[in-house]
Amino acid sequence: MNELVHSNKETDKPTRRKAAASAAPAASKASGAKAPTRTNDPARTMAGILEVATKEFADKGLSGARIDAIAEATHTSKRMIYYYYGSKEGLYLAVLEESYRRMRQIEAELHLEDLEPEAALRRLVEFTFDRHADNEDFIRLVMNENIEQGTYLAQSTSIQQLNVPAIESIRRLYQRGVEQGVFREGLDPVDIHASISALTFFNVSNRHTFGLIFKDKARNARSADRRASITDMVVRFVRK
């Protein structure tokens, strides 16, 4: 009799475990609790941090930006941000590098070599105008880094290399124009780049003060007339 009872208890153990296992999810569902989940996607986390940090640094500069605010907006922690970027300054430099990288990456996709020299130059100026007009955060980041006298950008190991293709693209474009008798000789590709940047950058960086001083509220950073005017100025400067 005892052996029979003992045997039944042993036989019932798997059944009891199965019943308990099936009851647990039911109890969890009834209580409204959610099964814990964990994601491990460092690239996505870092991209989210950079996106929020770009806005924070653009709005407040390096000294005014707060890591607490970035952590809260990205639903992460200061510890995680420091783990990825080392420090507030490290994150700031990463934001600068990513902003320049995006600009240069899109420039590389213009395929200027497929166009005649003057058409290619016009396309480059129009692209730069549009890119600056649509990316005020980039403009403000550059302005803030100039206030810092380029201190952090000078620490970058990639910024110089990021800008080499941009100048080389202008060099090839300009040389084609000279060889075809379209552009005048003796111009420096870096100077051409600086002129394009100066005109399109000012259009965004100073639009508030310029508009107030000259009561030109109708003008805005995306003005088609201003875009055409800047493009013509650059082309006439380079044209033979």
Protein backbone atom coordinates (compact mmCIF):
# COMPACT_ATOMS: atom_id res chain seq x y z
CA MET A 1 0.00 0.00 0.00
CA ASN A 2 2.77 2.41 0.95
CA GLU A 3 4.67 1.52 -2.22
CA LEU A 4 1.58 2.30 -4.30
CA VAL A 5 1.05 5.67 -2.65
CA HIS A 6 4.74 6.56 -3.05
CA SER A 7 4.64 5.56 -6.70
CA ASN A 8 1.62 7.81 -7.34
CA LYS A 9 3.33 10.82 -5.75
CA GLU A 10 6.42 10.39 -7.95
CA THR A 11 4.24 10.00 -11.03
CA ASP A 12 2.32 13.18 -10.18
CA LYS A 13 5.44 15.44 -9.97
CA PRO A 14 5.77 16.13 -13.72
CA THR A 15 2.04 16.83 -13.89
CA ARG A 16 2.26 19.31 -11.00
CA ARG A 17 5.25 21.08 -12.60
CA LYS A 18 3.42 21.37 -15.92
CA ALA A 19 0.33 22.76 -14.21
CA ALA A 20 2.39 25.30 -12.27
CA ALA A 21 4.22 26.40 -15.42
CA SER A 22 0.98 26.95 -17.32
CA ALA A 23 -0.58 28.75 -14.37
CA ALA A 24 2.26 31.31 -14.10
CA PRO A 25 1.59 33.12 -17.40
CA ALA A 26 -2.11 33.11 -16.65
CA ALA A 27 -1.50 34.70 -13.26
CA SER A 28 0.84 37.26 -14.82
CA LYS A 29 -1.75 38.15 -17.46
CA ALA A 30 -4.46 38.44 -14.85
CA SER A 31 -2.37 40.83 -12.74
CA GLY A 32 -1.53 42.98 -15.78
CA ALA A 33 2.23 42.42 -15.42
CA LYS A 34 4.39 42.26 -18.54
CA ALA A 35 7.10 39.75 -19.16
CA PRO A 36 10.46 41.50 -18.83
CA THR A 37 12.19 42.27 -22.11
CA ARG A 38 15.72 43.42 -22.85
CA THR A 39 17.13 44.87 -26.03
CA ASN A 40 20.79 44.93 -26.90
CA ASP A 41 21.31 47.24 -29.85
CA PRO A 42 24.28 49.55 -29.14
CA ALA A 43 24.22 51.08 -32.63
CA ARG A 44 20.58 52.11 -32.28
CA THR A 45 21.15 53.42 -28.77
CA MET A 46 24.15 55.49 -29.86
CA ALA A 47 22.26 56.87 -32.87
CA GLY A 48 19.41 57.96 -30.59
CA ILE A 49 21.82 59.63 -28.19
CA LEU A 50 23.55 61.49 -31.04
CA GLU A 51 20.24 62.72 -32.45
CA VAL A 52 19.08 64.18 -29.14
CA ALA A 53 22.54 65.47 -28.24
CA THR A 54 22.76 67.32 -31.56
CA LYS A 55 19.70 69.37 -30.66
CA GLU A 56 20.87 69.92 -27.08
CA PHE A 57 24.33 71.16 -28.08
CA ALA A 58 22.97 73.23 -30.98
CA ASP A 59 20.48 74.99 -28.70
CA LYS A 60 22.68 75.49 -25.64
CA GLY A 61 26.28 75.07 -26.67
CA LEU A 62 28.81 72.90 -24.91
CA SER A 63 28.68 74.71 -21.57
CA GLY A 64 24.89 74.95 -21.41
CA ALA A 65 24.00 71.46 -22.59
CA ARG A 66 23.05 68.92 -19.90
CA ILE A 67 23.77 65.21 -20.03
CA ASP A 68 20.81 64.69 -17.67
CA ALA A 69 18.47 66.15 -20.28
CA ILE A 70 19.93 63.96 -23.03
CA ALA A 71 19.64 60.85 -20.85
CA GLU A 72 16.02 61.62 -19.99
CA ALA A 73 15.04 62.29 -23.61
CA THR A 74 16.64 59.06 -24.81
CA HIS A 75 15.29 56.96 -21.93
CA THR A 76 18.80 55.92 -21.02
CA SER A 77 21.22 56.88 -18.25
CA LYS A 78 24.20 59.18 -17.78
CA ARG A 79 26.25 56.10 -17.05
CA MET A 80 25.33 54.61 -20.41
CA ILE A 81 26.18 57.85 -22.24
CA TYR A 82 29.56 58.04 -20.52
CA TYR A 83 30.12 54.36 -21.32
CA TYR A 84 29.74 55.06 -25.04
CA TYR A 85 31.33 58.52 -25.28
CA GLY A 86 33.57 58.85 -22.24
CA SER A 87 32.53 62.36 -21.23
CA LYS A 88 30.32 65.30 -22.11
CA GLU A 89 33.13 66.65 -24.29
CA GLY A 90 33.48 63.27 -25.98
CA LEU A 91 29.79 63.27 -26.85
CA TYR A 92 30.02 66.85 -28.13
CA LEU A 93 32.91 65.91 -30.43
CA ALA A 94 31.01 62.85 -31.67
CA VAL A 95 28.06 65.12 -32.53
CA LEU A 96 30.34 67.46 -34.50
CA GLU A 97 31.93 64.60 -36.41
CA GLU A 98 28.59 63.01 -37.26
CA SER A 99 27.18 66.35 -38.45
CA TYR A 100 30.11 66.89 -40.82
CA ARG A 101 30.03 63.26 -41.93
CA ARG A 102 26.38 63.51 -42.98
CA MET A 103 27.02 66.70 -44.92
CA ARG A 104 29.98 65.26 -46.81
CA GLN A 105 28.26 61.94 -47.44
CA ILE A 106 25.37 63.62 -49.23
CA GLU A 107 27.76 65.85 -51.20
CA ALA A 108 29.45 62.70 -52.49
CA GLU A 109 26.12 61.51 -53.89
CA LEU A 110 25.66 64.56 -56.15
CA HIS A 111 27.66 62.96 -59.01
CA LEU A 112 28.96 66.32 -60.19
CA GLU A 113 31.29 64.61 -62.65
CA ASP A 114 28.23 63.64 -64.71
CA LEU A 115 27.36 67.30 -65.39
CA GLU A 116 28.97 70.03 -67.46
CA PRO A 117 31.24 72.25 -65.29
CA GLU A 118 28.88 75.23 -64.92
CA ALA A 119 25.83 73.02 -64.34
CA ALA A 120 27.82 71.04 -61.76
CA LEU A 121 28.87 74.23 -59.95
CA ARG A 122 25.28 75.45 -59.87
CA ARG A 123 24.13 72.13 -58.48
CA LEU A 124 26.77 72.25 -55.75
CA VAL A 125 25.82 75.78 -54.67
CA GLU A 126 22.10 74.98 -54.69
CA PHE A 127 22.69 71.82 -52.70
CA THR A 128 24.77 73.68 -50.10
CA PHE A 129 22.12 76.40 -49.85
CA ASP A 130 19.34 73.86 -49.33
CA ARG A 131 21.36 71.73 -46.93
CA HIS A 132 22.19 74.69 -44.72
CA ALA A 133 18.64 76.04 -44.86
CA ASP A 134 17.21 72.69 -43.78
CA ASN A 135 19.80 72.02 -41.06
CA GLU A 136 19.87 74.95 -38.67
CA ASP A 137 21.26 72.68 -35.96
CA PHE A 138 24.37 72.12 -38.06
CA ILE A 139 24.83 75.86 -38.52
CA ARG A 140 24.47 76.50 -34.79
CA LEU A 141 26.88 73.70 -33.92
CA VAL A 142 29.50 75.25 -36.19
CA MET A 143 28.84 78.68 -34.68
CA ASN A 144 29.22 77.27 -31.16
CA GLU A 145 32.46 75.51 -32.06
CA ASN A 146 33.81 78.78 -33.44
CA ILE A 147 33.03 80.36 -30.07
CA GLU A 148 35.14 77.52 -28.62
CA GLN A 149 37.82 78.58 -31.16
CA GLY A 150 37.74 75.16 -32.78
CA THR A 151 39.23 73.58 -29.67
CA TYR A 152 37.26 70.33 -29.84
CA LEU A 153 37.20 69.98 -33.61
CA ALA A 154 41.01 70.15 -33.50
CA GLN A 155 40.97 66.97 -31.42
CA SER A 156 39.15 65.00 -34.10
CA THR A 157 41.06 62.35 -35.98
CA SER A 158 38.50 62.18 -38.79
CA ILE A 159 37.36 65.74 -39.60
CA GLN A 160 40.31 66.51 -41.88
CA GLN A 161 39.77 63.33 -43.87
CA LEU A 162 36.02 63.99 -44.10
CA ASN A 163 36.69 67.29 -45.86
CA VAL A 164 39.31 66.06 -48.32
CA PRO A 165 36.72 64.62 -50.78
CA ALA A 166 34.72 67.87 -50.74
CA ILE A 167 37.71 69.97 -51.79
CA GLU A 168 38.88 67.35 -54.27
CA SER A 169 35.43 67.35 -55.90
CA ILE A 170 35.60 71.12 -56.39
CA ARG A 171 39.16 70.85 -57.67
CA ARG A 172 38.13 68.35 -60.37
CA LEU A 173 35.03 70.35 -61.28
CA TYR A 174 37.00 73.59 -61.54
CA GLN A 175 39.81 72.01 -63.55
CA ARG A 176 37.33 70.60 -66.07
CA GLY A 177 35.87 74.08 -66.46
CA VAL A 178 39.30 75.63 -67.01
CA GLU A 179 40.24 73.00 -69.58
CA GLN A 180 36.98 73.61 -71.44
CA GLY A 181 37.50 77.36 -71.39
CA VAL A 182 34.44 77.93 -69.19
CA PHE A 183 36.15 78.99 -65.92
CA ARG A 184 38.95 81.50 -65.48
CA GLU A 185 42.35 80.34 -64.33
CA GLY A 186 44.12 81.03 -61.05
CA LEU A 187 41.41 80.23 -58.50
CA ASP A 188 41.94 78.10 -55.41
CA PRO A 189 39.39 75.29 -54.85
CA VAL A 190 39.49 75.95 -51.09
CA ASP A 191 38.64 79.60 -51.77
CA ILE A 192 35.72 78.57 -53.98
CA HIS A 193 34.50 76.28 -51.21
CA ALA A 194 34.89 79.09 -48.65
CA SER A 195 32.88 81.51 -50.80
CA ILE A 196 30.04 79.04 -51.25
CA SER A 197 30.00 78.27 -47.53
CA ALA A 198 30.17 81.92 -46.52
CA LEU A 199 27.17 82.95 -48.59
CA THR A 200 24.95 79.99 -47.75
CA PHE A 201 26.00 79.86 -44.08
CA PHE A 202 25.30 83.58 -43.46
CA ASN A 203 21.88 83.09 -45.02
CA VAL A 204 20.93 80.93 -42.01
CA SER A 205 23.22 82.07 -39.20
CA ASN A 206 22.34 85.78 -39.46
CA ARG A 207 18.81 85.73 -40.75
CA HIS A 208 17.26 86.81 -37.44
CA THR A 209 19.53 89.82 -36.86
CA PHE A 210 19.60 90.75 -40.55
CA GLY A 211 15.84 90.58 -40.77
CA LEU A 212 15.37 92.76 -37.69
CA ILE A 213 17.94 95.38 -38.65
CA PHE A 214 16.74 95.78 -42.22
CA LYS A 215 13.07 95.06 -41.51
CA ASP A 216 13.22 92.33 -44.11
CA LYS A 217 10.75 89.93 -42.52
CA ALA A 218 9.67 88.58 -45.90
CA ARG A 219 13.11 87.07 -46.51
CA ASN A 220 13.76 83.64 -45.03
CA ALA A 221 16.46 81.00 -45.13
CA ARG A 222 14.64 79.09 -47.88
CA SER A 223 13.97 82.05 -50.17
CA ALA A 224 14.06 80.94 -53.81
CA ASP A 225 15.21 84.43 -54.86
CA ARG A 226 18.10 84.34 -52.40
CA ARG A 227 19.05 80.86 -53.58
CA ALA A 228 19.19 81.99 -57.20
CA SER A 229 21.11 85.15 -56.31
CA ILE A 230 23.81 83.28 -54.38
CA THR A 231 24.16 80.69 -57.13
CA ASP A 232 24.59 83.39 -59.79
CA MET A 233 27.18 85.24 -57.68
CA VAL A 234 29.37 82.15 -57.33
CA VAL A 235 29.06 81.16 -61.00
CA ARG A 236 29.90 84.68 -62.20
CA PHE A 237 32.91 84.75 -59.85
CA VAL A 238 34.30 81.54 -61.37
CA ARG A 239 33.15 81.98 -64.97
CA LYS A 240 35.70 83.17 -67.54
